[in-house]
Amino acid sequence: MKKQILGLFLLSLLLLSACGLKNVDEHSSQSLNDTEVLNIVLKDIDRHEEDIVIKRIKKDFENGNNVYDIELYDESFEYDYEIDEAGKILKSEKEALKTTHNPKETSQDGITEKEALKIVLEHANLNENDISLVKIEKDYDDGQYTYELDFYTKDHEYEYEVTLEGGIIKSEHEKRK
C-alpha cells in the first residue's frame, strides 16, 4: 500500500514538473510588448524616448507571421519600421521633415509655403506654437500645383492640400493613437 501511494506521489510530481516546463516554453515564445519594440527602434536610430513622438505602434499579421508596425518622428525625420516577433528589423524607412522654422519663401506664381501654413492653421483653429513639426511639399496633381501639408499636435494628425491661390482642396485630421 505504501508503495502504491509513493508511486502515485512520484507520478503526480512528474506530471506537475512537466506542466511547469510547458509554461516555461510558452513564456519564452511570447511576443514582444510595445516598450520592447520601441526600444529596438530607438537603439537603431540612436535616439531617446523623450526625443521622439510616437505616431503608431501596431501589431499586424502578415504572410503568416506577427509583425509590429511602428511610426514615430523627431524634429527632423519621420521613421517607419516593421519588426518581427523575434525583434528583427524587417523594414526601416527614414524621411526628412521640413520644420515650420525655415519654410521656403519662394513660390511659382502663387502663395508661399509660409502663407499656405498660415491658411491651414487658421482653418484648423491652431497657431504655430500648437504644432511640433510640419512637412510641406509642393506637388503637381490634376493639372495644378499644390502644397501638401502634414503636421501634428499632441493629440491629432492633420493633412491638408492647398492650391497656390490659397484654396483648401483637402482637409483631414484624426486623433493620434
C-alpha atoms as a PDB file:
ATOM      1  CA  MET A   1       0.000   0.000   0.000  1.00  0.00           C
ATOM      2  CA  LYS A   2       2.819   2.417   0.862  1.00  0.00           C
ATOM      3  CA  LYS A   3       4.490   1.588  -2.479  1.00  0.00           C
ATOM      4  CA  GLN A   4       1.264   2.494  -4.355  1.00  0.00           C
ATOM      5  CA  ILE A   5       0.946   5.812  -2.528  1.00  0.00           C
ATOM      6  CA  LEU A   6       4.633   6.570  -3.163  1.00  0.00           C
ATOM      7  CA  GLY A   7       4.189   5.637  -6.833  1.00  0.00           C
ATOM      8  CA  LEU A   8       1.149   7.931  -7.184  1.00  0.00           C
ATOM      9  CA  PHE A   9       3.044  10.712  -5.432  1.00  0.00           C
ATOM     10  CA  LEU A  10       6.029  10.355  -7.794  1.00  0.00           C
ATOM     11  CA  LEU A  11       3.741  10.204 -10.833  1.00  0.00           C
ATOM     12  CA  SER A  12       1.942  13.366  -9.661  1.00  0.00           C
ATOM     13  CA  LEU A  13       5.278  15.099  -9.127  1.00  0.00           C
ATOM     14  CA  LEU A  14       6.425  14.110 -12.607  1.00  0.00           C
ATOM     15  CA  LEU A  15       3.208  15.446 -14.176  1.00  0.00           C
ATOM     16  CA  LEU A  16       3.441  18.716 -12.256  1.00  0.00           C
ATOM     17  CA  SER A  17       7.025  19.290 -13.313  1.00  0.00           C
ATOM     18  CA  ALA A  18       6.112  18.555 -16.955  1.00  0.00           C
ATOM     19  CA  CYS A  19       3.344  21.184 -16.747  1.00  0.00           C
ATOM     20  CA  GLY A  20       5.827  23.634 -15.284  1.00  0.00           C
ATOM     21  CA  LEU A  21       8.233  23.060 -18.184  1.00  0.00           C
ATOM     22  CA  LYS A  22       5.420  23.623 -20.658  1.00  0.00           C
ATOM     23  CA  ASN A  23       4.691  27.015 -19.060  1.00  0.00           C
ATOM     24  CA  VAL A  24       8.368  27.978 -19.305  1.00  0.00           C
ATOM     25  CA  ASP A  25       8.368  27.138 -23.016  1.00  0.00           C
ATOM     26  CA  GLU A  26       5.172  29.107 -23.590  1.00  0.00           C
ATOM     27  CA  HIS A  27       6.588  32.101 -21.740  1.00  0.00           C
ATOM     28  CA  SER A  28       9.784  32.134 -23.776  1.00  0.00           C
ATOM     29  CA  SER A  29       7.829  32.210 -27.056  1.00  0.00           C
ATOM     30  CA  GLN A  30       5.616  35.153 -26.052  1.00  0.00           C
ATOM     31  CA  SER A  31       5.630  38.100 -28.397  1.00  0.00           C
ATOM     32  CA  LEU A  32       7.300  41.426 -27.729  1.00  0.00           C
ATOM     33  CA  ASN A  33       5.452  44.216 -25.983  1.00  0.00           C
ATOM     34  CA  ASP A  34       5.218  47.813 -27.239  1.00  0.00           C
ATOM     35  CA  THR A  35       8.057  49.001 -24.989  1.00  0.00           C
ATOM     36  CA  GLU A  36      10.424  46.327 -26.287  1.00  0.00           C
ATOM     37  CA  VAL A  37       9.533  47.161 -29.896  1.00  0.00           C
ATOM     38  CA  LEU A  38      10.063  50.879 -29.243  1.00  0.00           C
ATOM     39  CA  ASN A  39      13.449  50.202 -27.616  1.00  0.00           C
ATOM     40  CA  ILE A  40      14.593  48.255 -30.701  1.00  0.00           C
ATOM     41  CA  VAL A  41      13.752  51.220 -32.933  1.00  0.00           C
ATOM     42  CA  LEU A  42      15.256  53.789 -30.551  1.00  0.00           C
ATOM     43  CA  LYS A  43      18.510  51.824 -30.479  1.00  0.00           C
ATOM     44  CA  ASP A  44      18.555  51.620 -34.273  1.00  0.00           C
ATOM     45  CA  ILE A  45      18.013  55.380 -34.744  1.00  0.00           C
ATOM     46  CA  ASP A  46      20.231  56.249 -31.766  1.00  0.00           C
ATOM     47  CA  ARG A  47      17.574  58.371 -30.042  1.00  0.00           C
ATOM     48  CA  HIS A  48      15.975  58.529 -26.588  1.00  0.00           C
ATOM     49  CA  GLU A  49      12.253  58.226 -25.918  1.00  0.00           C
ATOM     50  CA  GLU A  50      11.997  61.852 -24.774  1.00  0.00           C
ATOM     51  CA  ASP A  51      13.397  62.973 -28.183  1.00  0.00           C
ATOM     52  CA  ILE A  52      10.624  61.395 -30.261  1.00  0.00           C
ATOM     53  CA  VAL A  53       6.853  61.377 -30.713  1.00  0.00           C
ATOM     54  CA  ILE A  54       5.191  58.013 -31.279  1.00  0.00           C
ATOM     55  CA  LYS A  55       2.650  58.116 -34.068  1.00  0.00           C
ATOM     56  CA  ARG A  56       1.676  54.430 -34.012  1.00  0.00           C
ATOM     57  CA  ILE A  57       2.711  51.026 -32.676  1.00  0.00           C
ATOM     58  CA  LYS A  58       0.514  48.330 -34.142  1.00  0.00           C
ATOM     59  CA  LYS A  59       0.718  44.546 -34.216  1.00  0.00           C
ATOM     60  CA  ASP A  60      -0.208  43.091 -37.629  1.00  0.00           C
ATOM     61  CA  PHE A  61      -0.384  39.617 -39.132  1.00  0.00           C
ATOM     62  CA  GLU A  62       1.440  39.482 -42.487  1.00  0.00           C
ATOM     63  CA  ASN A  63       2.461  36.472 -44.580  1.00  0.00           C
ATOM     64  CA  GLY A  64       1.644  34.082 -41.744  1.00  0.00           C
ATOM     65  CA  ASN A  65       3.732  35.981 -39.175  1.00  0.00           C
ATOM     66  CA  ASN A  66       3.077  38.564 -36.492  1.00  0.00           C
ATOM     67  CA  VAL A  67       4.898  41.827 -37.182  1.00  0.00           C
ATOM     68  CA  TYR A  68       4.938  45.177 -35.436  1.00  0.00           C
ATOM     69  CA  ASP A  69       4.443  48.348 -37.438  1.00  0.00           C
ATOM     70  CA  ILE A  70       5.826  51.416 -35.686  1.00  0.00           C
ATOM     71  CA  GLU A  71       5.829  55.004 -36.889  1.00  0.00           C
ATOM     72  CA  LEU A  72       7.463  57.830 -34.974  1.00  0.00           C
ATOM     73  CA  TYR A  73       9.142  61.139 -35.602  1.00  0.00           C
ATOM     74  CA  ASP A  74      11.577  63.614 -34.115  1.00  0.00           C
ATOM     75  CA  GLU A  75      12.314  67.226 -35.025  1.00  0.00           C
ATOM     76  CA  SER A  76      13.990  66.248 -38.314  1.00  0.00           C
ATOM     77  CA  PHE A  77      12.754  62.846 -39.512  1.00  0.00           C
ATOM     78  CA  GLU A  78       9.778  60.506 -39.691  1.00  0.00           C
ATOM     79  CA  TYR A  79      10.617  56.819 -39.171  1.00  0.00           C
ATOM     80  CA  ASP A  80       8.625  53.772 -40.284  1.00  0.00           C
ATOM     81  CA  TYR A  81       9.648  50.287 -39.078  1.00  0.00           C
ATOM     82  CA  GLU A  82       8.433  46.711 -39.296  1.00  0.00           C
ATOM     83  CA  ILE A  83       9.790  44.318 -36.662  1.00  0.00           C
ATOM     84  CA  ASP A  84       9.131  40.592 -36.334  1.00  0.00           C
ATOM     85  CA  GLU A  85       8.323  38.814 -33.051  1.00  0.00           C
ATOM     86  CA  ALA A  86      11.963  37.875 -32.550  1.00  0.00           C
ATOM     87  CA  GLY A  87      12.938  41.561 -32.597  1.00  0.00           C
ATOM     88  CA  LYS A  88      14.498  41.506 -36.090  1.00  0.00           C
ATOM     89  CA  ILE A  89      14.044  44.681 -38.147  1.00  0.00           C
ATOM     90  CA  LEU A  90      12.290  43.709 -41.379  1.00  0.00           C
ATOM     91  CA  LYS A  91      11.883  47.218 -42.795  1.00  0.00           C
ATOM     92  CA  SER A  92      13.126  50.658 -41.856  1.00  0.00           C
ATOM     93  CA  GLU A  93      12.412  53.928 -43.618  1.00  0.00           C
ATOM     94  CA  LYS A  94      13.564  57.419 -42.721  1.00  0.00           C
ATOM     95  CA  GLU A  95      12.050  60.519 -44.326  1.00  0.00           C
ATOM     96  CA  ALA A  96      13.297  64.064 -43.797  1.00  0.00           C
ATOM     97  CA  LEU A  97      10.777  66.577 -42.478  1.00  0.00           C
ATOM     98  CA  LYS A  98      10.656  70.291 -43.086  1.00  0.00           C
ATOM     99  CA  THR A  99      10.127  72.389 -39.989  1.00  0.00           C
ATOM    100  CA  THR A 100       7.965  75.472 -39.633  1.00  0.00           C
ATOM    101  CA  HIS A 101      11.012  77.474 -38.588  1.00  0.00           C
ATOM    102  CA  ASN A 102      12.524  77.549 -42.056  1.00  0.00           C
ATOM    103  CA  PRO A 103       9.805  77.474 -44.701  1.00  0.00           C
ATOM    104  CA  LYS A 104      10.751  78.361 -48.272  1.00  0.00           C
ATOM    105  CA  GLU A 105       9.778  81.890 -49.179  1.00  0.00           C
ATOM    106  CA  THR A 106       9.644  81.318 -52.940  1.00  0.00           C
ATOM    107  CA  SER A 107       6.614  80.220 -54.901  1.00  0.00           C
ATOM    108  CA  GLN A 108       5.669  79.658 -58.518  1.00  0.00           C
ATOM    109  CA  ASP A 109       3.035  82.311 -59.267  1.00  0.00           C
ATOM    110  CA  GLY A 110       1.154  81.889 -56.011  1.00  0.00           C
ATOM    111  CA  ILE A 111       1.338  81.810 -52.262  1.00  0.00           C
ATOM    112  CA  THR A 112       4.463  80.750 -50.373  1.00  0.00           C
ATOM    113  CA  GLU A 113       4.788  77.734 -48.091  1.00  0.00           C
ATOM    114  CA  LYS A 114       4.599  80.074 -45.124  1.00  0.00           C
ATOM    115  CA  GLU A 115       1.319  81.542 -46.401  1.00  0.00           C
ATOM    116  CA  ALA A 116      -0.078  78.035 -47.053  1.00  0.00           C
ATOM    117  CA  LEU A 117       0.820  77.069 -43.487  1.00  0.00           C
ATOM    118  CA  LYS A 118      -0.915  80.195 -42.152  1.00  0.00           C
ATOM    119  CA  ILE A 119      -4.086  79.328 -44.124  1.00  0.00           C
ATOM    120  CA  VAL A 120      -4.305  75.762 -42.805  1.00  0.00           C
ATOM    121  CA  LEU A 121      -3.510  76.756 -39.227  1.00  0.00           C
ATOM    122  CA  GLU A 122      -6.335  79.321 -39.332  1.00  0.00           C
ATOM    123  CA  HIS A 123      -8.655  76.673 -40.793  1.00  0.00           C
ATOM    124  CA  ALA A 124      -7.704  74.207 -38.021  1.00  0.00           C
ATOM    125  CA  ASN A 125      -8.016  76.966 -35.398  1.00  0.00           C
ATOM    126  CA  LEU A 126      -4.367  76.461 -34.348  1.00  0.00           C
ATOM    127  CA  ASN A 127      -1.204  78.551 -34.223  1.00  0.00           C
ATOM    128  CA  GLU A 128       2.421  77.611 -34.871  1.00  0.00           C
ATOM    129  CA  ASN A 129       3.048  77.073 -31.159  1.00  0.00           C
ATOM    130  CA  ASP A 130       0.387  74.322 -31.129  1.00  0.00           C
ATOM    131  CA  ILE A 131       2.254  72.112 -33.612  1.00  0.00           C
ATOM    132  CA  SER A 132       5.542  70.337 -33.097  1.00  0.00           C
ATOM    133  CA  LEU A 133       6.560  69.977 -36.744  1.00  0.00           C
ATOM    134  CA  VAL A 134       5.261  70.224 -40.257  1.00  0.00           C
ATOM    135  CA  LYS A 135       6.045  68.639 -43.587  1.00  0.00           C
ATOM    136  CA  ILE A 136       5.341  70.880 -46.573  1.00  0.00           C
ATOM    137  CA  GLU A 137       5.801  69.648 -50.121  1.00  0.00           C
ATOM    138  CA  LYS A 138       4.976  71.322 -53.393  1.00  0.00           C
ATOM    139  CA  ASP A 139       3.265  68.867 -55.714  1.00  0.00           C
ATOM    140  CA  TYR A 140       1.746  68.823 -59.192  1.00  0.00           C
ATOM    141  CA  ASP A 141      -1.579  66.950 -59.271  1.00  0.00           C
ATOM    142  CA  ASP A 142      -4.506  67.026 -61.658  1.00  0.00           C
ATOM    143  CA  GLY A 143      -3.019  69.817 -63.754  1.00  0.00           C
ATOM    144  CA  GLN A 144      -2.193  72.218 -60.937  1.00  0.00           C
ATOM    145  CA  TYR A 145       0.488  72.926 -58.386  1.00  0.00           C
ATOM    146  CA  THR A 146      -0.483  72.460 -54.742  1.00  0.00           C
ATOM    147  CA  TYR A 147       1.118  72.386 -51.333  1.00  0.00           C
ATOM    148  CA  GLU A 148       0.689  69.220 -49.288  1.00  0.00           C
ATOM    149  CA  LEU A 149       0.986  69.915 -45.565  1.00  0.00           C
ATOM    150  CA  ASP A 150       1.205  67.307 -42.798  1.00  0.00           C
ATOM    151  CA  PHE A 151       1.560  68.351 -39.176  1.00  0.00           C
ATOM    152  CA  TYR A 152       0.936  67.046 -35.680  1.00  0.00           C
ATOM    153  CA  THR A 153      -0.347  68.335 -32.408  1.00  0.00           C
ATOM    154  CA  LYS A 154      -0.178  66.484 -29.126  1.00  0.00           C
ATOM    155  CA  ASP A 155      -3.470  64.693 -29.877  1.00  0.00           C
ATOM    156  CA  HIS A 156      -4.086  64.871 -33.634  1.00  0.00           C
ATOM    157  CA  GLU A 157      -2.528  64.388 -37.046  1.00  0.00           C
ATOM    158  CA  TYR A 158      -3.523  66.820 -39.829  1.00  0.00           C
ATOM    159  CA  GLU A 159      -3.251  66.559 -43.619  1.00  0.00           C
ATOM    160  CA  TYR A 160      -4.052  69.439 -45.969  1.00  0.00           C
ATOM    161  CA  GLU A 161      -3.736  70.181 -49.650  1.00  0.00           C
ATOM    162  CA  VAL A 162      -3.791  73.853 -50.666  1.00  0.00           C
ATOM    163  CA  THR A 163      -3.742  75.424 -54.142  1.00  0.00           C
ATOM    164  CA  LEU A 164      -1.201  78.120 -54.966  1.00  0.00           C
ATOM    165  CA  GLU A 165      -4.148  80.512 -54.940  1.00  0.00           C
ATOM    166  CA  GLY A 166      -4.766  79.656 -51.278  1.00  0.00           C
ATOM    167  CA  GLY A 167      -7.813  77.402 -51.637  1.00  0.00           C
ATOM    168  CA  ILE A 168      -8.053  74.301 -49.457  1.00  0.00           C
ATOM    169  CA  ILE A 169      -8.610  71.174 -51.578  1.00  0.00           C
ATOM    170  CA  LYS A 170      -8.219  68.566 -48.857  1.00  0.00           C
ATOM    171  CA  SER A 171      -8.569  68.801 -45.099  1.00  0.00           C
ATOM    172  CA  GLU A 172      -8.230  65.721 -42.884  1.00  0.00           C
ATOM    173  CA  HIS A 173      -7.423  65.181 -39.249  1.00  0.00           C
ATOM    174  CA  GLU A 174      -7.606  62.247 -36.934  1.00  0.00           C
ATOM    175  CA  LYS A 175      -6.899  61.511 -33.306  1.00  0.00           C
ATOM    176  CA  ARG A 176      -3.454  60.006 -32.841  1.00  0.00           C
ATOM    177  CA  LYS A 177      -3.280  56.539 -31.327  1.00  0.00           C
END
